[in-house]
Amino acid sequence: MSEQPQFTVKIDQNKFLPEGGREVHAIVSVEAGAEGGAMPAPASTKASEVIIIDTSGSMSYPDTKLRAAVAAAQVAVDTLRDGVEFAVISGSNTASMVYPRQGGLVTASPQTKDKAKRALSGLRASGGTAIGSWLRLADELFDDVQGGIRHAILLTDGKNQHETPEELDAVLFRCGGRFVCDCRGVGTDWEVAELRKIASALLGSVDIVADPAGLVADFQAMTEAAMGKSVADVALRVWTPQTARLRFVKQVMPSVEDLTGKRVESAPQAGDYPLGAWGAESRDYHICVEVPPGEIGKELRAAWVKLVVPGAPGEEAQVLATGNVLAQWTDDEAQSTRINPRVAHYTGQAELAVAIQEGLQARKDGDFDTATARLGRAVVLADEAGNEAITAMLRKVVDVVDPATGTVRLKRHVEKADEMALDTRSSKTVRTRKDETLTTPRPGER
């Protein structure tokens, strides 16, 4: 397949453990790029796209929201490659087809794109919000396509009030692994935790577009990123020795995402962790393995990591790249106490995301002491990581007295959009400064 990028796996770790040591940490860096130069546009890659626009009554307050959403969806349609299968859904209490009216997916061409854009311009806002029903219709549309990149964009401005959390959970369970969905909240009346849960279950990104005027550029970037993917359904396959226990697998770049619970058993002592679709990009993963203590001088393979495209039932997986995570016991204290800088960096950024989310929740609950302590800790961690974007957002929520010690005061008046932006983007990470020459992700990628 000439369009497929070349994948490389690089392992960063300190393999040396002290006598009695059990815990092995490693950063697995996966990079996809072209052999000997720029990636060709994946024009021949099979792909399908479903655009889901919230048309509940609140989208007309103010009506600039619906107008901006329609313009953004029209730009997304324009950005689709000819030949991609697509559809547009309108979501309120129920889901309905905007284009094509009769259901199913249609092939993108100048003619079908024009019809879709005309159909979008007729949208009106009314009714409530039942996001699970919107995703269920998208899933039914993707049922018609076998293989290839399957991507959806979901835009909402409100909370999922017209179905129970259990109904939404059931839909997310059904849709998981079937398509990737990037989620966007417009305005400030939606729930960050709710949209984050949807994006997490569907391996997509989540973000706030506080001002509807920003939707067009955001939809274009998300669609371009989806059109740039060339390999669907990549997985990280991790084998561990019989006596070992895999404690966690987390994506740590470009955002923190715990994949541990998404494991699918793939072979004796091995499990697959879904990574979604890939184009020319790089992502980092943190894995932690617990091994039984060994004798001084003994070395073992604590984990064997493979990047794979899982095969159909009965078929072998295609292996794209591999790497080893090692453990070796030593009585040299200098070796065993050295912390790998990349492991330390990403451990700090995972803690940063938790500190922000807990701090904002405490602030919401009126527990201002906890909020001050957690957001102060976040200021220290963001400063240490060189995460300037998060530092700037934190300063809109707290007055920083001393960034080194994390001494902060909660601001009395905080714009809701600033608070939601900090919450939404709390899990976005940066690489260590020495890594900055590596490939950076495109907008809309996770």
Protein backbone atom coordinates (compact mmCIF):
# COMPACT_ATOMS: atom_id res chain seq x y z
CA MET A 1 0.00 0.00 0.00
CA SER A 2 1.96 3.01 -1.25
CA GLU A 3 -0.11 5.49 0.75
CA GLN A 4 0.67 3.88 4.09
CA PRO A 5 3.12 5.85 6.23
CA GLN A 6 6.27 4.34 7.69
CA PHE A 7 5.86 3.76 11.44
CA THR A 8 8.64 3.83 14.01
CA VAL A 9 8.52 2.95 17.71
CA LYS A 10 11.06 4.44 20.13
CA ILE A 11 11.26 3.42 23.80
CA ASP A 12 12.49 5.88 26.47
CA GLN A 13 13.14 4.44 29.91
CA ASN A 14 15.61 3.79 32.70
CA LYS A 15 15.75 -0.01 32.70
CA PHE A 16 17.73 -0.25 35.97
CA LEU A 17 15.86 -1.29 39.09
CA PRO A 18 17.21 -1.46 42.66
CA GLU A 19 17.33 -4.78 44.50
CA GLY A 20 13.70 -5.77 45.14
CA GLY A 21 12.45 -3.22 42.56
CA ARG A 22 9.25 -4.14 40.74
CA GLU A 23 7.92 -1.19 38.75
CA VAL A 24 9.09 -0.48 35.18
CA HIS A 25 8.03 2.77 33.44
CA ALA A 26 8.57 3.58 29.77
CA ILE A 27 7.49 6.19 27.23
CA VAL A 28 6.63 4.60 23.88
CA SER A 29 6.90 7.18 21.09
CA VAL A 30 5.13 6.27 17.87
CA GLU A 31 5.83 8.29 14.76
CA ALA A 32 4.26 7.90 11.31
CA GLY A 33 5.80 9.64 8.33
CA ALA A 34 6.84 9.14 4.75
CA GLU A 35 9.96 7.26 3.83
CA GLY A 36 12.48 9.80 2.61
CA GLY A 37 10.29 12.88 2.67
CA ALA A 38 6.78 14.28 2.72
CA MET A 39 3.74 12.05 3.01
CA PRO A 40 1.65 11.74 -0.15
CA ALA A 41 -1.95 12.91 0.27
CA PRO A 42 -3.91 9.76 1.13
CA ALA A 43 -6.20 10.31 -1.86
CA SER A 44 -6.83 6.60 -2.37
CA THR A 45 -7.58 5.89 1.31
CA LYS A 46 -11.16 4.79 1.80
CA ALA A 47 -12.91 7.16 4.21
CA SER A 48 -16.35 8.09 5.47
CA GLU A 49 -17.45 11.19 7.37
CA VAL A 50 -20.63 12.03 9.31
CA ILE A 51 -21.23 15.62 10.46
CA ILE A 52 -23.66 15.97 13.41
CA ILE A 53 -25.09 19.43 14.14
CA ASP A 54 -27.12 20.25 17.26
CA THR A 55 -30.38 21.90 16.14
CA SER A 56 -32.08 21.99 19.56
CA GLY A 57 -34.03 25.16 20.43
CA SER A 58 -31.14 26.71 22.35
CA MET A 59 -29.08 26.92 19.14
CA SER A 60 -31.25 29.92 18.17
CA TYR A 61 -30.32 31.86 21.35
CA PRO A 62 -28.59 33.81 19.91
CA ASP A 63 -29.29 32.77 16.32
CA THR A 64 -25.66 33.52 15.44
CA LYS A 65 -24.94 30.04 16.93
CA LEU A 66 -27.01 28.14 14.38
CA ARG A 67 -25.82 30.36 11.51
CA ALA A 68 -22.18 29.76 12.48
CA ALA A 69 -22.80 26.01 12.89
CA VAL A 70 -24.35 25.82 9.42
CA ALA A 71 -21.45 27.78 7.89
CA ALA A 72 -18.96 25.50 9.69
CA ALA A 73 -20.69 22.34 8.48
CA GLN A 74 -20.74 23.74 4.92
CA VAL A 75 -16.98 24.37 5.10
CA ALA A 76 -16.46 20.84 6.45
CA VAL A 77 -18.42 19.45 3.47
CA ASP A 78 -16.27 21.54 1.10
CA THR A 79 -13.12 20.16 2.76
CA LEU A 80 -14.05 16.51 2.08
CA ARG A 81 -12.02 14.77 -0.61
CA ASP A 82 -14.01 13.76 -3.67
CA GLY A 83 -14.83 10.06 -3.35
CA VAL A 84 -15.28 10.11 0.45
CA GLU A 85 -18.66 8.75 1.63
CA PHE A 86 -20.50 11.29 3.80
CA ALA A 87 -23.74 12.36 5.45
CA VAL A 88 -25.05 15.21 7.62
CA ILE A 89 -27.26 14.69 10.68
CA SER A 90 -29.44 17.17 12.58
CA GLY A 91 -29.77 16.45 16.31
CA SER A 92 -32.48 17.45 18.80
CA ASN A 93 -34.80 15.14 20.83
CA THR A 94 -34.20 12.73 17.98
CA ALA A 95 -31.75 12.48 15.11
CA SER A 96 -32.78 13.17 11.53
CA MET A 97 -31.05 13.19 8.16
CA VAL A 98 -30.17 16.57 6.68
CA TYR A 99 -28.41 15.07 3.66
CA PRO A 100 -29.07 12.72 2.02
CA ARG A 101 -32.74 12.88 3.07
CA GLN A 102 -33.38 9.19 2.47
CA GLY A 103 -30.54 8.02 4.74
CA GLY A 104 -27.33 6.19 3.91
CA LEU A 105 -24.03 7.74 2.87
CA VAL A 106 -23.35 9.44 -0.46
CA THR A 107 -20.11 9.84 -2.38
CA ALA A 108 -18.61 13.32 -2.17
CA SER A 109 -18.50 15.14 -5.53
CA PRO A 110 -19.03 18.79 -6.51
CA GLN A 111 -22.72 18.00 -7.11
CA THR A 112 -23.41 16.13 -3.83
CA LYS A 113 -21.45 18.71 -1.81
CA ASP A 114 -23.60 21.48 -3.32
CA LYS A 115 -26.79 19.62 -2.43
CA ALA A 116 -25.57 19.03 1.13
CA LYS A 117 -24.71 22.71 1.60
CA ARG A 118 -28.15 23.74 0.29
CA ALA A 119 -29.83 21.28 2.66
CA LEU A 120 -27.79 22.68 5.57
CA SER A 121 -28.90 26.24 4.81
CA GLY A 122 -32.50 25.18 5.52
CA LEU A 123 -31.85 24.05 9.12
CA ARG A 124 -34.03 25.48 11.88
CA ALA A 125 -33.60 25.12 15.67
CA SER A 126 -36.25 23.47 17.88
CA GLY A 127 -36.62 20.73 20.47
CA GLY A 128 -34.25 19.26 23.05
CA THR A 129 -30.96 17.37 23.27
CA ALA A 130 -30.54 13.56 23.10
CA ILE A 131 -26.94 13.01 21.99
CA GLY A 132 -27.10 9.21 22.21
CA SER A 133 -29.76 9.11 19.50
CA TRP A 134 -27.53 11.26 17.24
CA LEU A 135 -24.58 8.91 17.68
CA ARG A 136 -26.79 5.85 17.14
CA LEU A 137 -27.88 7.18 13.74
CA ALA A 138 -24.24 7.92 12.84
CA ASP A 139 -23.33 4.35 13.81
CA GLU A 140 -26.10 2.98 11.57
CA LEU A 141 -24.75 5.07 8.66
CA PHE A 142 -21.20 3.74 9.21
CA ASP A 143 -22.67 0.20 9.17
CA ASP A 144 -22.96 0.56 5.39
CA VAL A 145 -19.19 0.96 4.91
CA GLN A 146 -16.68 -1.84 5.34
CA GLY A 147 -13.23 -0.79 6.53
CA GLY A 148 -11.45 2.50 5.91
CA ILE A 149 -11.32 5.66 8.01
CA ARG A 150 -14.63 6.30 9.82
CA HIS A 151 -14.83 9.77 11.38
CA ALA A 152 -17.58 11.95 12.84
CA ILE A 153 -17.78 15.54 14.05
CA LEU A 154 -20.31 16.31 16.79
CA LEU A 155 -21.29 19.87 17.72
CA THR A 156 -23.58 20.71 20.65
CA ASP A 157 -24.40 23.77 22.74
CA GLY A 158 -26.17 22.09 25.64
CA LYS A 159 -26.46 19.29 28.16
CA ASN A 160 -27.81 15.86 27.25
CA GLN A 161 -31.17 16.47 28.96
CA HIS A 162 -33.56 14.31 26.96
CA GLU A 163 -32.13 10.87 27.66
CA THR A 164 -30.66 9.22 30.75
CA PRO A 165 -26.90 8.86 31.37
CA GLU A 166 -27.46 5.09 31.09
CA GLU A 167 -28.97 5.48 27.61
CA LEU A 168 -25.96 7.53 26.48
CA ASP A 169 -23.54 5.01 28.05
CA ALA A 170 -25.21 2.14 26.18
CA VAL A 171 -24.78 3.98 22.86
CA LEU A 172 -21.12 4.80 23.63
CA PHE A 173 -20.49 1.13 24.46
CA ARG A 174 -22.02 0.11 21.11
CA CYS A 175 -20.12 2.75 19.10
CA GLY A 176 -16.70 2.29 20.75
CA GLY A 177 -14.11 1.10 18.23
CA ARG A 178 -16.53 1.57 15.30
CA PHE A 179 -15.73 5.20 14.51
CA VAL A 180 -13.73 8.14 15.87
CA CYS A 181 -15.70 11.22 16.95
CA ASP A 182 -14.28 14.71 17.56
CA CYS A 183 -16.60 16.71 19.85
CA ARG A 184 -17.05 20.45 20.11
CA GLY A 185 -19.09 22.52 22.54
CA VAL A 186 -20.18 25.96 21.36
CA GLY A 187 -20.98 28.67 23.93
CA THR A 188 -20.88 27.91 27.66
CA ASP A 189 -24.10 25.98 28.46
CA TRP A 190 -22.78 22.46 27.84
CA GLU A 191 -21.06 20.05 30.24
CA VAL A 192 -17.30 19.57 29.81
CA ALA A 193 -17.31 16.20 31.64
CA GLU A 194 -20.16 14.90 29.46
CA LEU A 195 -18.52 15.82 26.15
CA ARG A 196 -15.13 14.59 27.40
CA LYS A 197 -16.71 11.21 28.20
CA ILE A 198 -18.10 10.94 24.65
CA ALA A 199 -14.80 11.96 23.01
CA SER A 200 -12.85 9.58 25.26
CA ALA A 201 -15.11 6.61 24.47
CA LEU A 202 -14.84 7.33 20.74
CA LEU A 203 -11.07 8.11 20.68
CA GLY A 204 -11.70 11.70 19.57
CA SER A 205 -10.78 15.17 20.75
CA VAL A 206 -12.91 17.57 22.78
CA ASP A 207 -12.72 21.36 22.78
CA ILE A 208 -14.67 24.52 23.47
CA VAL A 209 -15.55 27.09 20.83
CA ALA A 210 -16.78 29.83 23.14
CA ASP A 211 -17.47 32.28 20.31
CA PRO A 212 -19.52 30.81 17.43
CA ALA A 213 -17.35 32.86 15.03
CA GLY A 214 -14.55 30.34 15.66
CA LEU A 215 -16.52 27.34 14.37
CA VAL A 216 -15.69 27.64 10.68
CA ALA A 217 -11.90 27.49 11.15
CA ASP A 218 -12.24 24.72 13.75
CA PHE A 219 -14.46 22.52 11.53
CA GLN A 220 -12.12 23.02 8.60
CA ALA A 221 -9.10 21.97 10.70
CA MET A 222 -10.88 18.88 12.06
CA THR A 223 -12.00 17.78 8.60
CA GLU A 224 -8.54 18.36 7.10
CA ALA A 225 -7.02 16.27 9.89
CA ALA A 226 -9.52 13.45 9.22
CA MET A 227 -8.84 13.63 5.47
CA GLY A 228 -5.09 13.35 6.24
CA LYS A 229 -5.46 9.94 7.90
CA SER A 230 -4.28 6.95 5.89
CA VAL A 231 -4.37 3.95 8.27
CA ALA A 232 -7.53 3.02 10.16
CA ASP A 233 -7.83 1.13 13.45
CA VAL A 234 -4.21 0.98 14.61
CA ALA A 235 -3.63 -0.70 17.99
CA LEU A 236 -0.79 -0.89 20.51
CA ARG A 237 -0.28 -4.60 21.28
CA VAL A 238 1.52 -5.15 24.59
CA TRP A 239 2.89 -8.57 25.61
CA THR A 240 4.12 -9.11 29.17
CA PRO A 241 5.75 -12.15 30.83
CA GLN A 242 3.46 -14.56 32.67
CA THR A 243 4.63 -13.34 36.06
CA ALA A 244 4.24 -9.64 35.20
CA ARG A 245 1.23 -7.32 35.49
CA LEU A 246 0.55 -4.43 33.14
CA ARG A 247 -0.53 -1.64 35.50
CA PHE A 248 -1.56 0.96 32.92
CA VAL A 249 -1.32 2.18 29.33
CA LYS A 250 -1.92 5.92 28.82
CA GLN A 251 -1.67 8.20 25.83
CA VAL A 252 0.32 11.20 27.10
CA MET A 253 0.84 13.24 23.91
CA PRO A 254 -0.86 15.21 22.37
CA SER A 255 -3.32 14.73 25.26
CA VAL A 256 -3.66 12.53 28.35
CA GLU A 257 -6.04 9.63 27.76
CA ASP A 258 -6.12 6.48 29.91
CA LEU A 259 -6.40 3.48 27.57
CA THR A 260 -6.05 0.81 30.29
CA GLY A 261 -9.75 -0.09 30.36
CA LYS A 262 -9.96 -0.38 26.55
CA ARG A 263 -7.77 -3.52 26.42
CA VAL A 264 -8.90 -6.31 24.11
CA GLU A 265 -7.17 -9.68 24.67
CA SER A 266 -5.34 -10.59 21.46
CA ALA A 267 -3.03 -13.53 22.32
CA PRO A 268 -1.73 -15.35 25.40
CA GLN A 269 -0.24 -12.64 27.71
CA ALA A 270 -0.97 -9.89 25.15
CA GLY A 271 -3.67 -7.25 24.76
CA ASP A 272 -4.51 -4.61 22.16
CA TYR A 273 -5.13 -0.96 23.06
CA PRO A 274 -7.00 0.93 20.28
CA LEU A 275 -5.30 4.08 18.97
CA GLY A 276 -7.75 5.06 16.21
CA ALA A 277 -6.71 6.24 12.75
CA TRP A 278 -3.29 7.64 11.78
CA GLY A 279 -1.83 10.04 9.26
CA ALA A 280 1.59 11.70 9.33
CA GLU A 281 1.89 12.44 13.07
CA SER A 282 3.47 11.32 16.32
CA ARG A 283 2.00 10.37 19.67
CA ASP A 284 3.51 9.23 22.98
CA TYR A 285 2.28 6.54 25.38
CA HIS A 286 3.26 5.82 29.00
CA ILE A 287 3.24 2.17 30.05
CA CYS A 288 3.89 0.79 33.53
CA VAL A 289 4.64 -2.90 34.16
CA GLU A 290 5.01 -4.63 37.53
CA VAL A 291 7.54 -7.49 37.44
CA PRO A 292 8.67 -9.90 40.19
CA PRO A 293 12.08 -8.84 41.63
CA GLY A 294 15.09 -10.48 40.00
CA GLU A 295 18.69 -11.12 41.00
CA ILE A 296 21.32 -8.39 40.68
CA GLY A 297 22.62 -8.35 37.09
CA LYS A 298 19.60 -10.17 35.63
CA GLU A 299 17.89 -8.54 32.62
CA LEU A 300 14.46 -9.42 31.28
CA ARG A 301 11.97 -8.17 28.73
CA ALA A 302 9.26 -6.54 30.85
CA ALA A 303 7.08 -5.81 27.81
CA TRP A 304 7.15 -6.35 24.07
CA VAL A 305 5.31 -3.53 22.32
CA LYS A 306 4.00 -3.87 18.78
CA LEU A 307 2.12 -1.39 16.67
CA VAL A 308 -0.43 -3.43 14.71
CA VAL A 309 -3.37 -3.24 12.35
CA PRO A 310 -5.52 -6.06 13.79
CA GLY A 311 -6.71 -8.57 11.21
CA ALA A 312 -10.25 -9.82 10.67
CA PRO A 313 -11.20 -12.90 12.74
CA GLY A 314 -8.84 -15.73 11.78
CA GLU A 315 -6.37 -13.35 10.07
CA GLU A 316 -2.92 -12.37 11.30
CA ALA A 317 -2.42 -8.76 12.42
CA GLN A 318 -0.16 -6.56 10.29
CA VAL A 319 2.82 -5.52 12.43
CA LEU A 320 3.94 -1.93 11.68
CA ALA A 321 6.76 -1.50 14.25
CA THR A 322 8.01 -3.02 17.52
CA GLY A 323 10.01 -2.12 20.63
CA ASN A 324 11.17 -3.69 23.90
CA VAL A 325 10.73 -2.46 27.47
CA LEU A 326 13.54 -3.90 29.61
CA ALA A 327 14.23 -4.41 33.31
CA GLN A 328 17.66 -5.02 34.83
CA TRP A 329 18.45 -5.19 38.53
CA THR A 330 21.51 -3.41 39.86
CA ASP A 331 23.16 -2.56 43.18
CA ASP A 332 24.48 0.69 41.67
CA GLU A 333 22.32 3.32 43.35
CA ALA A 334 23.26 6.01 40.84
CA GLN A 335 21.85 3.86 38.00
CA SER A 336 18.69 2.70 39.76
CA THR A 337 17.63 6.10 41.13
CA ARG A 338 18.01 7.99 37.85
CA ILE A 339 14.54 8.95 36.61
CA ASN A 340 14.11 9.07 32.84
CA PRO A 341 13.37 12.74 32.03
CA ARG A 342 10.56 11.94 29.57
CA VAL A 343 8.85 9.60 32.05
CA ALA A 344 9.10 12.35 34.71
CA HIS A 345 7.81 15.01 32.28
CA TYR A 346 4.71 13.07 31.26
CA THR A 347 3.99 11.86 34.80
CA GLY A 348 3.90 15.55 35.77
CA GLN A 349 1.54 16.45 32.94
CA ALA A 350 -0.85 13.60 33.77
CA GLU A 351 -0.89 14.92 37.37
CA LEU A 352 -1.45 18.45 35.99
CA ALA A 353 -4.67 17.39 34.21
CA VAL A 354 -6.02 15.78 37.40
CA ALA A 355 -5.04 18.79 39.56
CA ILE A 356 -6.89 21.21 37.24
CA GLN A 357 -10.03 19.09 36.99
CA GLU A 358 -10.16 18.49 40.77
CA GLY A 359 -9.43 22.16 41.51
CA LEU A 360 -12.20 23.43 39.23
CA GLN A 361 -14.68 20.90 40.65
CA ALA A 362 -13.79 21.96 44.22
CA ARG A 363 -14.30 25.61 43.22
CA LYS A 364 -17.71 24.72 41.78
CA ASP A 365 -18.58 22.86 45.00
CA GLY A 366 -17.60 25.86 47.16
CA ASP A 367 -14.57 24.09 48.69
CA PHE A 368 -12.22 27.03 48.17
CA ASP A 369 -9.34 25.65 50.27
CA THR A 370 -9.09 22.49 48.13
CA ALA A 371 -9.58 24.54 44.96
CA THR A 372 -6.72 26.88 45.93
CA ALA A 373 -4.40 23.96 46.82
CA ARG A 374 -5.09 21.94 43.65
CA LEU A 375 -4.93 24.89 41.25
CA GLY A 376 -1.73 26.07 43.02
CA ARG A 377 -0.24 22.63 42.40
CA ALA A 378 -1.34 22.91 38.76
CA VAL A 379 0.54 26.22 38.43
CA VAL A 380 3.76 24.53 39.65
CA LEU A 381 3.33 21.53 37.30
CA ALA A 382 2.49 23.67 34.25
CA ASP A 383 5.54 25.85 34.94
CA GLU A 384 7.82 22.80 35.31
CA ALA A 385 6.51 21.27 32.08
CA GLY A 386 6.88 24.49 30.12
CA ASN A 387 3.18 24.19 29.25
CA GLU A 388 2.69 27.88 28.48
CA ALA A 389 -0.82 27.51 27.06
CA ILE A 390 -2.10 25.95 30.30
CA THR A 391 -0.18 28.50 32.40
CA ALA A 392 -1.91 31.35 30.54
CA MET A 393 -5.33 29.74 31.08
CA LEU A 394 -4.65 29.13 34.79
CA ARG A 395 -3.85 32.84 35.21
CA LYS A 396 -7.41 33.67 34.12
CA VAL A 397 -8.77 31.63 37.04
CA VAL A 398 -6.20 32.36 39.79
CA ASP A 399 -3.88 35.23 40.73
CA VAL A 400 -0.39 33.71 40.90
CA VAL A 401 1.56 35.02 43.89
CA ASP A 402 4.56 32.65 43.52
CA PRO A 403 4.69 30.14 40.61
CA ALA A 404 7.61 28.23 42.18
CA THR A 405 5.69 27.33 45.35
CA GLY A 406 2.23 27.32 43.80
CA THR A 407 0.98 30.15 46.03
CA VAL A 408 -2.21 31.41 44.37
CA ARG A 409 -5.44 33.25 45.17
CA LEU A 410 -8.71 32.31 43.49
CA LYS A 411 -10.03 35.15 41.36
CA ARG A 412 -13.41 36.44 42.56
CA HIS A 413 -14.87 36.82 39.08
CA VAL A 414 -14.02 34.33 36.38
CA GLU A 415 -15.55 34.25 32.90
CA LYS A 416 -17.37 30.93 32.47
CA ALA A 417 -15.74 30.50 29.04
CA ASP A 418 -12.26 30.83 30.61
CA GLU A 419 -13.08 28.24 33.27
CA MET A 420 -14.50 25.82 30.70
CA ALA A 421 -11.52 26.33 28.36
CA LEU A 422 -9.12 25.44 31.18
CA ASP A 423 -11.17 22.35 32.07
CA THR A 424 -11.54 21.21 28.45
CA ARG A 425 -7.87 21.70 27.58
CA SER A 426 -6.44 20.49 30.92
CA SER A 427 -5.36 17.19 29.35
CA LYS A 428 -3.58 18.78 26.36
CA THR A 429 0.15 18.17 26.76
CA VAL A 430 3.43 19.52 25.42
CA ARG A 431 6.64 17.64 24.72
CA THR A 432 9.79 18.20 26.75
CA ARG A 433 11.78 21.11 25.36
CA LYS A 434 14.44 18.84 23.85
CA ASP A 435 11.65 17.03 21.93
CA GLU A 436 10.27 20.07 20.22
CA THR A 437 11.88 19.25 16.88
CA LEU A 438 9.66 16.16 16.62
CA THR A 439 6.49 16.12 14.56
CA THR A 440 3.67 18.11 16.16
CA PRO A 441 0.03 17.04 15.80
CA ARG A 442 -2.33 18.87 13.51
CA PRO A 443 -5.46 20.61 14.82
CA GLY A 444 -8.22 18.13 15.59
CA GLU A 445 -5.79 15.27 16.19
CA ARG A 446 -5.54 13.54 19.53
